[in-house]
C-alpha atoms as a PDB file:
ATOM      1  CA  UNK A   1      34.451  33.261 -18.933  1.00  0.00           C
ATOM      2  CA  UNK A   2      33.238  29.786 -19.767  1.00  0.00           C
ATOM      3  CA  UNK A   3      33.441  28.974 -16.063  1.00  0.00           C
ATOM      4  CA  UNK A   4      31.423  32.085 -15.245  1.00  0.00           C
ATOM      5  CA  UNK A   5      28.572  30.750 -17.366  1.00  0.00           C
ATOM      6  CA  UNK A   6      28.930  27.314 -15.771  1.00  0.00           C
ATOM      7  CA  UNK A   7      28.668  28.738 -12.265  1.00  0.00           C
ATOM      8  CA  UNK A   8      25.865  31.247 -12.841  1.00  0.00           C
ATOM      9  CA  UNK A   9      22.490  29.531 -12.812  1.00  0.00           C
ATOM     10  CA  UNK A  10      20.272  30.043 -15.849  1.00  0.00           C
ATOM     11  CA  UNK A  11      22.975  31.870 -17.799  1.00  0.00           C
ATOM     12  CA  UNK A  12      23.386  31.395 -21.536  1.00  0.00           C
ATOM     13  CA  UNK A  13      26.543  32.529 -23.362  1.00  0.00           C
ATOM     14  CA  UNK A  14      24.570  33.454 -26.491  1.00  0.00           C
ATOM     15  CA  UNK A  15      22.187  35.721 -24.569  1.00  0.00           C
ATOM     16  CA  UNK A  16      24.271  36.998 -21.652  1.00  0.00           C
ATOM     17  CA  UNK A  17      27.781  37.573 -23.059  1.00  0.00           C
ATOM     18  CA  UNK A  18      27.144  41.233 -23.861  1.00  0.00           C
ATOM     19  CA  UNK A  19      25.761  41.966 -20.395  1.00  0.00           C
ATOM     20  CA  UNK A  20      28.622  40.164 -18.614  1.00  0.00           C
ATOM     21  CA  UNK A  21      31.246  41.888 -20.769  1.00  0.00           C
ATOM     22  CA  UNK A  22      29.673  45.293 -20.027  1.00  0.00           C
ATOM     23  CA  UNK A  23      29.662  44.544 -16.296  1.00  0.00           C
ATOM     24  CA  UNK A  24      33.320  43.465 -16.290  1.00  0.00           C
ATOM     25  CA  UNK A  25      34.371  46.501 -18.356  1.00  0.00           C
ATOM     26  CA  UNK A  26      32.492  48.809 -15.968  1.00  0.00           C
ATOM     27  CA  UNK A  27      34.347  47.239 -13.022  1.00  0.00           C
ATOM     28  CA  UNK A  28      37.681  47.683 -14.855  1.00  0.00           C
ATOM     29  CA  UNK A  29      36.900  51.364 -15.560  1.00  0.00           C
ATOM     30  CA  UNK A  30      35.919  51.849 -11.909  1.00  0.00           C
ATOM     31  CA  UNK A  31      39.247  50.349 -10.842  1.00  0.00           C
ATOM     32  CA  UNK A  32      37.779  47.590  -8.670  1.00  0.00           C
ATOM     33  CA  UNK A  33      39.282  44.847 -10.882  1.00  0.00           C
ATOM     34  CA  UNK A  34      42.096  44.818 -13.390  1.00  0.00           C
ATOM     35  CA  UNK A  35      41.843  43.776 -16.997  1.00  0.00           C
ATOM     36  CA  UNK A  36      43.353  40.490 -18.172  1.00  0.00           C
ATOM     37  CA  UNK A  37      44.423  39.479 -21.689  1.00  0.00           C
ATOM     38  CA  UNK A  38      42.252  36.335 -21.499  1.00  0.00           C
ATOM     39  CA  UNK A  39      39.144  38.466 -20.915  1.00  0.00           C
ATOM     40  CA  UNK A  40      40.050  40.700 -23.868  1.00  0.00           C
ATOM     41  CA  UNK A  41      40.509  37.623 -26.095  1.00  0.00           C
ATOM     42  CA  UNK A  42      37.169  36.168 -24.959  1.00  0.00           C
ATOM     43  CA  UNK A  43      35.399  39.493 -25.534  1.00  0.00           C
ATOM     44  CA  UNK A  44      36.865  39.769 -29.014  1.00  0.00           C
ATOM     45  CA  UNK A  45      35.715  36.230 -29.923  1.00  0.00           C
ATOM     46  CA  UNK A  46      32.324  36.143 -28.178  1.00  0.00           C
ATOM     47  CA  UNK A  47      31.041  39.712 -28.063  1.00  0.00           C
ATOM     48  CA  UNK A  48      32.709  42.060 -30.541  1.00  0.00           C
ATOM     49  CA  UNK A  49      31.076  42.178 -33.953  1.00  0.00           C
ATOM     50  CA  UNK A  50      27.973  40.291 -32.794  1.00  0.00           C
ATOM     51  CA  UNK A  51      24.688  42.077 -32.191  1.00  0.00           C
ATOM     52  CA  UNK A  52      23.432  42.142 -28.634  1.00  0.00           C
ATOM     53  CA  UNK A  53      20.046  40.510 -28.084  1.00  0.00           C
ATOM     54  CA  UNK A  54      17.198  43.017 -28.038  1.00  0.00           C
ATOM     55  CA  UNK A  55      15.891  41.761 -24.667  1.00  0.00           C
ATOM     56  CA  UNK A  56      18.139  39.095 -23.100  1.00  0.00           C
ATOM     57  CA  UNK A  57      15.774  38.677 -20.137  1.00  0.00           C
ATOM     58  CA  UNK A  58      12.751  37.896 -22.337  1.00  0.00           C
ATOM     59  CA  UNK A  59      11.646  34.269 -21.799  1.00  0.00           C
ATOM     60  CA  UNK A  60      12.384  31.932 -24.664  1.00  0.00           C
ATOM     61  CA  UNK A  61       9.440  30.399 -26.476  1.00  0.00           C
ATOM     62  CA  UNK A  62       8.525  26.701 -26.335  1.00  0.00           C
ATOM     63  CA  UNK A  63       9.774  23.940 -24.104  1.00  0.00           C
ATOM     64  CA  UNK A  64       8.002  25.295 -21.048  1.00  0.00           C
ATOM     65  CA  UNK A  65       5.662  23.403 -18.819  1.00  0.00           C
ATOM     66  CA  UNK A  66       2.305  22.892 -20.486  1.00  0.00           C
ATOM     67  CA  UNK A  67       3.435  24.323 -23.835  1.00  0.00           C
ATOM     68  CA  UNK A  68       4.176  20.983 -25.453  1.00  0.00           C
ATOM     69  CA  UNK A  69       7.827  21.799 -26.077  1.00  0.00           C
ATOM     70  CA  UNK A  70       9.506  21.489 -29.445  1.00  0.00           C
ATOM     71  CA  UNK A  71      12.147  19.090 -28.191  1.00  0.00           C
ATOM     72  CA  UNK A  72       9.717  16.336 -27.228  1.00  0.00           C
ATOM     73  CA  UNK A  73      10.100  16.680 -23.470  1.00  0.00           C
ATOM     74  CA  UNK A  74       6.344  16.385 -22.963  1.00  0.00           C
ATOM     75  CA  UNK A  75       6.239  13.193 -25.017  1.00  0.00           C
ATOM     76  CA  UNK A  76       9.201  11.837 -23.083  1.00  0.00           C
ATOM     77  CA  UNK A  77       7.516  12.630 -19.777  1.00  0.00           C
ATOM     78  CA  UNK A  78       4.341  10.852 -20.890  1.00  0.00           C
ATOM     79  CA  UNK A  79       6.321   7.811 -22.008  1.00  0.00           C
ATOM     80  CA  UNK A  80       8.140   7.685 -18.669  1.00  0.00           C
ATOM     81  CA  UNK A  81       4.862   7.924 -16.740  1.00  0.00           C
ATOM     82  CA  UNK A  82       3.344   5.121 -18.827  1.00  0.00           C
ATOM     83  CA  UNK A  83       6.381   2.911 -18.206  1.00  0.00           C
ATOM     84  CA  UNK A  84       6.190   3.608 -14.470  1.00  0.00           C
ATOM     85  CA  UNK A  85       2.460   2.747 -14.460  1.00  0.00           C
ATOM     86  CA  UNK A  86       3.196  -0.538 -16.245  1.00  0.00           C
ATOM     87  CA  UNK A  87       5.902  -1.390 -13.696  1.00  0.00           C
ATOM     88  CA  UNK A  88       3.504  -0.592 -10.847  1.00  0.00           C
ATOM     89  CA  UNK A  89       0.833  -2.791 -12.405  1.00  0.00           C
ATOM     90  CA  UNK A  90       3.351  -5.635 -12.639  1.00  0.00           C
ATOM     91  CA  UNK A  91       4.358  -5.252  -9.000  1.00  0.00           C
ATOM     92  CA  UNK A  92       0.730  -5.120  -7.848  1.00  0.00           C
ATOM     93  CA  UNK A  93      -0.129  -8.210  -9.902  1.00  0.00           C
ATOM     94  CA  UNK A  94       2.860 -10.052  -8.447  1.00  0.00           C
ATOM     95  CA  UNK A  95       1.859  -9.204  -4.878  1.00  0.00           C
ATOM     96  CA  UNK A  96      -1.748 -10.171  -5.561  1.00  0.00           C
ATOM     97  CA  UNK A  97      -0.677 -13.503  -7.033  1.00  0.00           C
ATOM     98  CA  UNK A  98       1.426 -14.277  -3.962  1.00  0.00           C
ATOM     99  CA  UNK A  99      -1.344 -13.167  -1.608  1.00  0.00           C
ATOM    100  CA  UNK A 100      -4.007 -15.184  -3.391  1.00  0.00           C
ATOM    101  CA  UNK A 101      -5.602 -12.340  -5.334  1.00  0.00           C
ATOM    102  CA  UNK A 102      -6.585 -12.322  -8.985  1.00  0.00           C
ATOM    103  CA  UNK A 103      -3.189 -11.233 -10.324  1.00  0.00           C
ATOM    104  CA  UNK A 104      -4.801  -9.073 -13.028  1.00  0.00           C
ATOM    105  CA  UNK A 105      -3.909  -5.578 -14.212  1.00  0.00           C
ATOM    106  CA  UNK A 106      -4.448  -2.837 -11.655  1.00  0.00           C
ATOM    107  CA  UNK A 107      -7.299  -0.513 -12.627  1.00  0.00           C
ATOM    108  CA  UNK A 108      -8.617   2.245 -10.409  1.00  0.00           C
ATOM    109  CA  UNK A 109      -8.350   0.622  -7.011  1.00  0.00           C
ATOM    110  CA  UNK A 110      -9.378  -2.909  -8.031  1.00  0.00           C
ATOM    111  CA  UNK A 111      -7.507  -5.553  -9.916  1.00  0.00           C
ATOM    112  CA  UNK A 112      -9.197  -6.294 -13.213  1.00  0.00           C
ATOM    113  CA  UNK A 113     -10.269  -9.920 -13.292  1.00  0.00           C
ATOM    114  CA  UNK A 114      -9.737 -10.374  -9.545  1.00  0.00           C
ATOM    115  CA  UNK A 115     -11.651 -13.198  -7.909  1.00  0.00           C
ATOM    116  CA  UNK A 116     -14.559 -12.256  -5.712  1.00  0.00           C
ATOM    117  CA  UNK A 117     -14.008 -12.951  -2.025  1.00  0.00           C
ATOM    118  CA  UNK A 118     -15.239 -16.397  -0.992  1.00  0.00           C
ATOM    119  CA  UNK A 119     -18.807 -16.479   0.268  1.00  0.00           C
ATOM    120  CA  UNK A 120     -19.430 -17.322   3.907  1.00  0.00           C
ATOM    121  CA  UNK A 121     -19.985 -21.038   4.534  1.00  0.00           C
ATOM    122  CA  UNK A 122     -23.507 -22.262   4.983  1.00  0.00           C
ATOM    123  CA  UNK A 123     -24.659 -23.624   8.353  1.00  0.00           C
ATOM    124  CA  UNK A 124     -24.209 -27.203   7.135  1.00  0.00           C
ATOM    125  CA  UNK A 125     -20.641 -26.528   5.899  1.00  0.00           C
ATOM    126  CA  UNK A 126     -19.788 -24.793   9.164  1.00  0.00           C
ATOM    127  CA  UNK A 127     -21.141 -27.696  11.227  1.00  0.00           C
ATOM    128  CA  UNK A 128     -19.180 -30.199   9.087  1.00  0.00           C
ATOM    129  CA  UNK A 129     -15.957 -28.195   9.565  1.00  0.00           C
ATOM    130  CA  UNK A 130     -16.551 -28.013  13.325  1.00  0.00           C
ATOM    131  CA  UNK A 131     -17.136 -31.788  13.452  1.00  0.00           C
ATOM    132  CA  UNK A 132     -13.860 -32.407  11.548  1.00  0.00           C
ATOM    133  CA  UNK A 133     -12.003 -30.179  13.992  1.00  0.00           C
ATOM    134  CA  UNK A 134     -13.492 -31.981  17.001  1.00  0.00           C
ATOM    135  CA  UNK A 135     -12.583 -35.338  15.460  1.00  0.00           C
ATOM    136  CA  UNK A 136      -8.961 -34.198  15.049  1.00  0.00           C
ATOM    137  CA  UNK A 137      -8.826 -32.985  18.634  1.00  0.00           C
ATOM    138  CA  UNK A 138     -10.283 -36.236  19.946  1.00  0.00           C
ATOM    139  CA  UNK A 139      -7.841 -38.288  17.893  1.00  0.00           C
ATOM    140  CA  UNK A 140      -4.827 -36.259  19.075  1.00  0.00           C
ATOM    141  CA  UNK A 141      -6.024 -36.117  22.666  1.00  0.00           C
ATOM    142  CA  UNK A 142      -6.813 -39.846  23.004  1.00  0.00           C
ATOM    143  CA  UNK A 143      -3.280 -40.740  24.155  1.00  0.00           C
ATOM    144  CA  UNK A 144      -2.910 -37.865  26.628  1.00  0.00           C
ATOM    145  CA  UNK A 145      -6.430 -38.030  28.071  1.00  0.00           C
ATOM    146  CA  UNK A 146      -8.730 -35.137  28.747  1.00  0.00           C
ATOM    147  CA  UNK A 147      -9.415 -34.459  25.071  1.00  0.00           C
ATOM    148  CA  UNK A 148      -7.441 -31.204  25.076  1.00  0.00           C
ATOM    149  CA  UNK A 149      -4.241 -32.450  23.461  1.00  0.00           C
ATOM    150  CA  UNK A 150      -2.413 -32.708  26.763  1.00  0.00           C
ATOM    151  CA  UNK A 151      -2.612 -28.992  27.497  1.00  0.00           C
ATOM    152  CA  UNK A 152      -4.255 -29.396  30.911  1.00  0.00           C
ATOM    153  CA  UNK A 153      -1.684 -31.996  31.992  1.00  0.00           C
ATOM    154  CA  UNK A 154       1.138 -29.684  30.935  1.00  0.00           C
ATOM    155  CA  UNK A 155      -0.387 -26.794  32.863  1.00  0.00           C
ATOM    156  CA  UNK A 156      -0.781 -28.987  35.985  1.00  0.00           C
ATOM    157  CA  UNK A 157       2.896 -29.971  35.863  1.00  0.00           C
ATOM    158  CA  UNK A 158       4.074 -26.379  35.570  1.00  0.00           C
END
């Protein structure tokens, strides 16, 4: 009968033994199954002399969702969620650090302590950067002629 309780979902030997024994005995009396000595020994040890539960189908108290549970399952769930949040924060900070972000703790859609995005360059800074780029192009294109780095010559040959 131990295997019966293992295979029946949500069964509990302490609460369901009397019901299962009654069902098996009814089937034996009806002649649909035969009685075995192992069943009689189990019934004698598990059922006989023990009071049947008043209502075996009544839900047990505590431990349910939202009830807090006496066995600490709610506290365990909270601890697991906190650990998962810490791991996520570590992963986000690692990705931000590699991508050039602030690398701070993740808080509500923004990384705490993250650097503000760089401001747009002023007109003078933009002109200076454009002049540097033109100077590089002229220096690289001086040997090939045309000032385009040799791209036009390559296209002509193709």
